Amino acid sequence: MFDIMGMMGKVKEAQAKIKETQARLVHLTAEGEAGAGMVKVLVNGDRKVMKIEMDESLVNASDKEMLSDLIVAATNKAMEAIDFKIKAEMKTATEGMIPNIPGMDLGSMFG
């Protein structure tokens, strides 16, 4: 027999754990780099760019387009890395709390 009250309790517990985990995500960081490390971008779990570092040799007016491309590439890599970390944190937070329902990917809710 299906225990709806037990299920509702699990859902409320999962919601509280998710909210708690989301509050901690801002403290996660990830770095992406491009141009063999000549450009580095640091982002946080709130998906905000925190820092951009670049090799001094790139700071040249004639290379503005290349520098822009490297910043974009490094930022995209950092965003991919932080998304991976966020999903891992959320999976850990909800593991075992919500039943595995075939065809329902709860991990996609957090990406």
N, C-alpha and C. Protein backbone atom coordinates (compact mmCIF):
# COMPACT_ATOMS: atom_id res chain seq x y z
N MET A 1 0.84 -1.18 0.00
CA MET A 1 0.00 0.00 0.00
C MET A 1 0.88 1.24 0.00
N PHE A 2 0.52 2.22 -0.77
CA PHE A 2 1.28 3.45 -0.94
C PHE A 2 1.05 4.36 0.27
N ASP A 3 2.11 4.80 0.91
CA ASP A 3 2.04 5.65 2.11
C ASP A 3 2.19 7.11 1.71
N ILE A 4 1.06 7.77 1.42
CA ILE A 4 1.10 9.17 0.95
C ILE A 4 1.62 10.11 2.03
N MET A 5 1.29 9.87 3.29
CA MET A 5 1.75 10.75 4.37
C MET A 5 3.27 10.62 4.55
N GLY A 6 3.75 9.40 4.46
CA GLY A 6 5.19 9.19 4.53
C GLY A 6 5.91 9.87 3.38
N MET A 7 5.31 9.78 2.20
CA MET A 7 5.87 10.41 1.01
C MET A 7 5.89 11.94 1.18
N MET A 8 4.83 12.51 1.70
CA MET A 8 4.76 13.97 1.90
C MET A 8 5.82 14.42 2.91
N GLY A 9 6.03 13.62 3.93
CA GLY A 9 7.07 13.94 4.91
C GLY A 9 8.45 13.93 4.27
N LYS A 10 8.68 12.95 3.41
CA LYS A 10 9.96 12.88 2.69
C LYS A 10 10.15 14.09 1.77
N VAL A 11 9.07 14.50 1.10
CA VAL A 11 9.15 15.65 0.20
C VAL A 11 9.48 16.91 1.00
N LYS A 12 8.83 17.12 2.13
CA LYS A 12 9.13 18.29 2.97
C LYS A 12 10.56 18.26 3.48
N GLU A 13 11.01 17.09 3.87
CA GLU A 13 12.39 16.93 4.33
C GLU A 13 13.37 17.25 3.20
N ALA A 14 13.06 16.76 2.00
CA ALA A 14 13.92 17.02 0.84
C ALA A 14 13.93 18.50 0.50
N GLN A 15 12.78 19.15 0.58
CA GLN A 15 12.72 20.59 0.28
C GLN A 15 13.59 21.38 1.25
N ALA A 16 13.54 21.03 2.53
CA ALA A 16 14.36 21.72 3.52
C ALA A 16 15.85 21.50 3.25
N LYS A 17 16.20 20.28 2.90
CA LYS A 17 17.60 19.96 2.63
C LYS A 17 18.08 20.68 1.36
N ILE A 18 17.22 20.76 0.36
CA ILE A 18 17.57 21.47 -0.88
C ILE A 18 17.80 22.94 -0.60
N LYS A 19 16.92 23.55 0.18
CA LYS A 19 17.04 24.97 0.50
C LYS A 19 18.34 25.23 1.26
N GLU A 20 18.66 24.36 2.19
CA GLU A 20 19.90 24.47 2.96
C GLU A 20 21.12 24.35 2.04
N THR A 21 21.08 23.39 1.14
CA THR A 21 22.19 23.18 0.20
C THR A 21 22.34 24.36 -0.74
N GLN A 22 21.23 24.90 -1.24
CA GLN A 22 21.29 26.05 -2.14
C GLN A 22 21.94 27.25 -1.46
N ALA A 23 21.71 27.42 -0.17
CA ALA A 23 22.34 28.52 0.56
C ALA A 23 23.85 28.35 0.64
N ARG A 24 24.32 27.10 0.62
CA ARG A 24 25.77 26.83 0.68
C ARG A 24 26.44 26.93 -0.69
N LEU A 25 25.66 26.87 -1.75
CA LEU A 25 26.26 26.83 -3.10
C LEU A 25 27.10 28.06 -3.41
N VAL A 26 26.75 29.21 -2.87
CA VAL A 26 27.48 30.43 -3.15
C VAL A 26 28.95 30.30 -2.73
N HIS A 27 29.24 29.38 -1.80
CA HIS A 27 30.61 29.19 -1.33
C HIS A 27 31.41 28.24 -2.21
N LEU A 28 30.75 27.56 -3.14
CA LEU A 28 31.47 26.71 -4.10
C LEU A 28 32.14 27.60 -5.13
N THR A 29 33.30 27.21 -5.60
CA THR A 29 33.96 27.93 -6.69
C THR A 29 34.50 26.93 -7.70
N ALA A 30 34.65 27.41 -8.92
CA ALA A 30 35.25 26.61 -9.98
C ALA A 30 36.03 27.55 -10.88
N GLU A 31 37.09 27.03 -11.46
CA GLU A 31 37.93 27.83 -12.34
C GLU A 31 37.95 27.21 -13.73
N GLY A 32 37.96 28.08 -14.72
CA GLY A 32 38.14 27.65 -16.09
C GLY A 32 39.32 28.41 -16.66
N GLU A 33 40.03 27.77 -17.57
CA GLU A 33 41.17 28.45 -18.18
C GLU A 33 41.19 28.22 -19.67
N ALA A 34 41.85 29.13 -20.36
CA ALA A 34 41.98 29.04 -21.81
C ALA A 34 43.37 29.56 -22.19
N GLY A 35 43.76 29.23 -23.41
CA GLY A 35 45.07 29.69 -23.89
C GLY A 35 46.20 29.14 -23.05
N ALA A 36 46.14 27.85 -22.72
CA ALA A 36 47.17 27.18 -21.92
C ALA A 36 47.39 27.89 -20.58
N GLY A 37 46.29 28.34 -19.99
CA GLY A 37 46.36 28.98 -18.67
C GLY A 37 46.64 30.46 -18.70
N MET A 38 46.68 31.05 -19.89
CA MET A 38 46.96 32.48 -19.98
C MET A 38 45.77 33.33 -19.51
N VAL A 39 44.57 32.76 -19.57
CA VAL A 39 43.38 33.43 -19.05
C VAL A 39 42.69 32.46 -18.11
N LYS A 40 42.38 32.94 -16.89
CA LYS A 40 41.69 32.12 -15.90
C LYS A 40 40.48 32.91 -15.38
N VAL A 41 39.37 32.19 -15.24
CA VAL A 41 38.14 32.80 -14.73
C VAL A 41 37.66 31.97 -13.55
N LEU A 42 37.34 32.65 -12.46
CA LEU A 42 36.81 32.01 -11.25
C LEU A 42 35.34 32.40 -11.11
N VAL A 43 34.47 31.39 -10.95
CA VAL A 43 33.04 31.63 -10.75
C VAL A 43 32.61 30.98 -9.44
N ASN A 44 31.47 31.44 -8.91
CA ASN A 44 30.95 30.83 -7.69
C ASN A 44 29.69 30.04 -7.98
N GLY A 45 29.17 29.37 -6.97
CA GLY A 45 27.99 28.53 -7.12
C GLY A 45 26.72 29.30 -7.41
N ASP A 46 26.80 30.61 -7.34
CA ASP A 46 25.68 31.46 -7.70
C ASP A 46 25.78 31.84 -9.18
N ARG A 47 26.74 31.20 -9.87
CA ARG A 47 27.03 31.41 -11.29
C ARG A 47 27.41 32.86 -11.59
N LYS A 48 28.19 33.45 -10.69
CA LYS A 48 28.70 34.81 -10.86
C LYS A 48 30.21 34.74 -11.07
N VAL A 49 30.71 35.55 -12.00
CA VAL A 49 32.14 35.64 -12.23
C VAL A 49 32.75 36.42 -11.06
N MET A 50 33.72 35.80 -10.40
CA MET A 50 34.35 36.42 -9.23
C MET A 50 35.68 37.08 -9.57
N LYS A 51 36.40 36.50 -10.54
CA LYS A 51 37.75 36.98 -10.82
C LYS A 51 38.17 36.57 -12.22
N ILE A 52 38.87 37.45 -12.88
CA ILE A 52 39.47 37.14 -14.18
C ILE A 52 40.95 37.49 -14.09
N GLU A 53 41.79 36.52 -14.41
CA GLU A 53 43.23 36.74 -14.44
C GLU A 53 43.72 36.51 -15.86
N MET A 54 44.67 37.32 -16.28
CA MET A 54 45.24 37.11 -17.61
C MET A 54 46.72 37.42 -17.61
N ASP A 55 47.43 36.69 -18.42
CA ASP A 55 48.86 36.89 -18.58
C ASP A 55 49.10 38.28 -19.16
N GLU A 56 50.11 38.96 -18.63
CA GLU A 56 50.40 40.32 -19.09
C GLU A 56 50.68 40.40 -20.58
N SER A 57 51.19 39.34 -21.16
CA SER A 57 51.51 39.37 -22.58
C SER A 57 50.26 39.52 -23.45
N LEU A 58 49.08 39.24 -22.87
CA LEU A 58 47.83 39.35 -23.63
C LEU A 58 47.26 40.76 -23.65
N VAL A 59 47.75 41.60 -22.76
CA VAL A 59 47.21 42.96 -22.66
C VAL A 59 47.90 43.82 -23.73
N ASN A 60 47.34 43.73 -24.92
CA ASN A 60 47.89 44.42 -26.09
C ASN A 60 46.70 44.83 -26.94
N ALA A 61 46.62 46.08 -27.27
CA ALA A 61 45.46 46.60 -28.02
C ALA A 61 45.23 45.85 -29.33
N SER A 62 46.29 45.38 -29.97
CA SER A 62 46.11 44.69 -31.25
C SER A 62 45.55 43.27 -31.08
N ASP A 63 45.57 42.74 -29.87
CA ASP A 63 45.08 41.38 -29.62
C ASP A 63 43.75 41.36 -28.87
N LYS A 64 42.98 42.45 -28.97
CA LYS A 64 41.73 42.53 -28.23
C LYS A 64 40.77 41.39 -28.57
N GLU A 65 40.66 41.03 -29.82
CA GLU A 65 39.72 39.99 -30.23
C GLU A 65 40.14 38.63 -29.66
N MET A 66 41.43 38.33 -29.71
CA MET A 66 41.90 37.07 -29.16
C MET A 66 41.67 37.02 -27.65
N LEU A 67 41.96 38.13 -26.96
CA LEU A 67 41.76 38.18 -25.52
C LEU A 67 40.29 37.96 -25.18
N SER A 68 39.42 38.60 -25.94
CA SER A 68 37.98 38.42 -25.73
C SER A 68 37.58 36.96 -25.91
N ASP A 69 38.09 36.32 -26.95
CA ASP A 69 37.78 34.91 -27.20
C ASP A 69 38.27 34.02 -26.05
N LEU A 70 39.46 34.31 -25.54
CA LEU A 70 40.01 33.51 -24.44
C LEU A 70 39.20 33.70 -23.15
N ILE A 71 38.75 34.93 -22.90
CA ILE A 71 37.93 35.18 -21.70
C ILE A 71 36.61 34.43 -21.81
N VAL A 72 36.00 34.46 -22.98
CA VAL A 72 34.74 33.74 -23.18
C VAL A 72 34.95 32.24 -22.98
N ALA A 73 36.02 31.70 -23.56
CA ALA A 73 36.29 30.26 -23.44
C ALA A 73 36.54 29.87 -21.98
N ALA A 74 37.33 30.65 -21.28
CA ALA A 74 37.63 30.34 -19.87
C ALA A 74 36.37 30.45 -19.02
N THR A 75 35.53 31.45 -19.29
CA THR A 75 34.29 31.63 -18.53
C THR A 75 33.36 30.45 -18.77
N ASN A 76 33.23 30.02 -20.01
CA ASN A 76 32.36 28.88 -20.31
C ASN A 76 32.85 27.61 -19.62
N LYS A 77 34.16 27.39 -19.59
CA LYS A 77 34.71 26.23 -18.90
C LYS A 77 34.44 26.30 -17.39
N ALA A 78 34.58 27.48 -16.82
CA ALA A 78 34.32 27.65 -15.39
C ALA A 78 32.84 27.41 -15.09
N MET A 79 31.95 27.89 -15.95
CA MET A 79 30.51 27.68 -15.74
C MET A 79 30.16 26.20 -15.83
N GLU A 80 30.76 25.47 -16.77
CA GLU A 80 30.53 24.03 -16.87
C GLU A 80 31.00 23.33 -15.60
N ALA A 81 32.16 23.75 -15.09
CA ALA A 81 32.71 23.12 -13.89
C ALA A 81 31.83 23.39 -12.67
N ILE A 82 31.31 24.63 -12.54
CA ILE A 82 30.48 24.94 -11.37
C ILE A 82 29.14 24.23 -11.49
N ASP A 83 28.60 24.09 -12.70
CA ASP A 83 27.34 23.36 -12.87
C ASP A 83 27.51 21.91 -12.41
N PHE A 84 28.64 21.31 -12.74
CA PHE A 84 28.92 19.94 -12.31
C PHE A 84 28.95 19.85 -10.79
N LYS A 85 29.62 20.82 -10.15
CA LYS A 85 29.70 20.83 -8.69
C LYS A 85 28.33 21.05 -8.05
N ILE A 86 27.53 21.94 -8.62
CA ILE A 86 26.19 22.22 -8.09
C ILE A 86 25.34 20.95 -8.15
N LYS A 87 25.36 20.28 -9.29
CA LYS A 87 24.56 19.05 -9.43
C LYS A 87 25.01 17.99 -8.44
N ALA A 88 26.32 17.89 -8.22
CA ALA A 88 26.83 16.91 -7.26
C ALA A 88 26.37 17.25 -5.85
N GLU A 89 26.40 18.52 -5.49
CA GLU A 89 25.94 18.94 -4.16
C GLU A 89 24.45 18.64 -3.97
N MET A 90 23.66 18.95 -4.98
CA MET A 90 22.22 18.74 -4.86
C MET A 90 21.89 17.25 -4.83
N LYS A 91 22.64 16.46 -5.58
CA LYS A 91 22.41 15.01 -5.57
C LYS A 91 22.71 14.45 -4.19
N THR A 92 23.81 14.92 -3.60
CA THR A 92 24.18 14.47 -2.27
C THR A 92 23.12 14.88 -1.26
N ALA A 93 22.60 16.09 -1.40
CA ALA A 93 21.61 16.60 -0.45
C ALA A 93 20.30 15.82 -0.49
N THR A 94 19.93 15.32 -1.66
CA THR A 94 18.62 14.66 -1.80
C THR A 94 18.73 13.14 -1.89
N GLU A 95 19.93 12.62 -1.85
CA GLU A 95 20.14 11.18 -1.99
C GLU A 95 19.35 10.39 -0.94
N GLY A 96 18.57 9.45 -1.41
CA GLY A 96 17.82 8.59 -0.52
C GLY A 96 16.56 9.21 0.05
N MET A 97 16.31 10.47 -0.25
CA MET A 97 15.15 11.15 0.32
C MET A 97 13.93 11.05 -0.59
N ILE A 98 14.19 11.13 -1.88
CA ILE A 98 13.10 11.09 -2.84
C ILE A 98 13.20 9.77 -3.59
N PRO A 99 12.11 9.03 -3.67
CA PRO A 99 12.18 7.72 -4.33
C PRO A 99 12.55 7.86 -5.80
N ASN A 100 13.23 6.86 -6.30
CA ASN A 100 13.62 6.83 -7.70
C ASN A 100 12.40 6.47 -8.54
N ILE A 101 11.87 7.46 -9.23
CA ILE A 101 10.70 7.25 -10.07
C ILE A 101 11.17 7.14 -11.51
N PRO A 102 10.98 5.99 -12.14
CA PRO A 102 11.46 5.81 -13.52
C PRO A 102 10.95 6.92 -14.44
N GLY A 103 11.88 7.45 -15.23
CA GLY A 103 11.53 8.50 -16.19
C GLY A 103 11.53 9.90 -15.60
N MET A 104 11.78 10.03 -14.31
CA MET A 104 11.79 11.33 -13.67
C MET A 104 13.20 11.64 -13.20
N ASP A 105 13.87 12.57 -13.88
CA ASP A 105 15.24 12.94 -13.57
C ASP A 105 15.22 14.18 -12.69
N LEU A 106 15.26 13.99 -11.37
CA LEU A 106 15.22 15.12 -10.46
C LEU A 106 16.49 15.93 -10.50
N GLY A 107 17.59 15.33 -10.93
CA GLY A 107 18.86 16.06 -11.02
C GLY A 107 18.79 17.20 -12.01
N SER A 108 17.94 17.09 -13.02
CA SER A 108 17.83 18.15 -14.01
C SER A 108 17.14 19.38 -13.46
N MET A 109 16.50 19.26 -12.32
CA MET A 109 15.83 20.41 -11.71
C MET A 109 16.84 21.44 -11.20
N PHE A 110 18.07 21.03 -11.01
CA PHE A 110 19.04 21.90 -10.36
C PHE A 110 20.10 22.43 -11.33
N GLY A 111 19.98 22.17 -12.60
CA GLY A 111 21.01 22.58 -13.53
C GLY A 111 20.67 23.74 -14.36
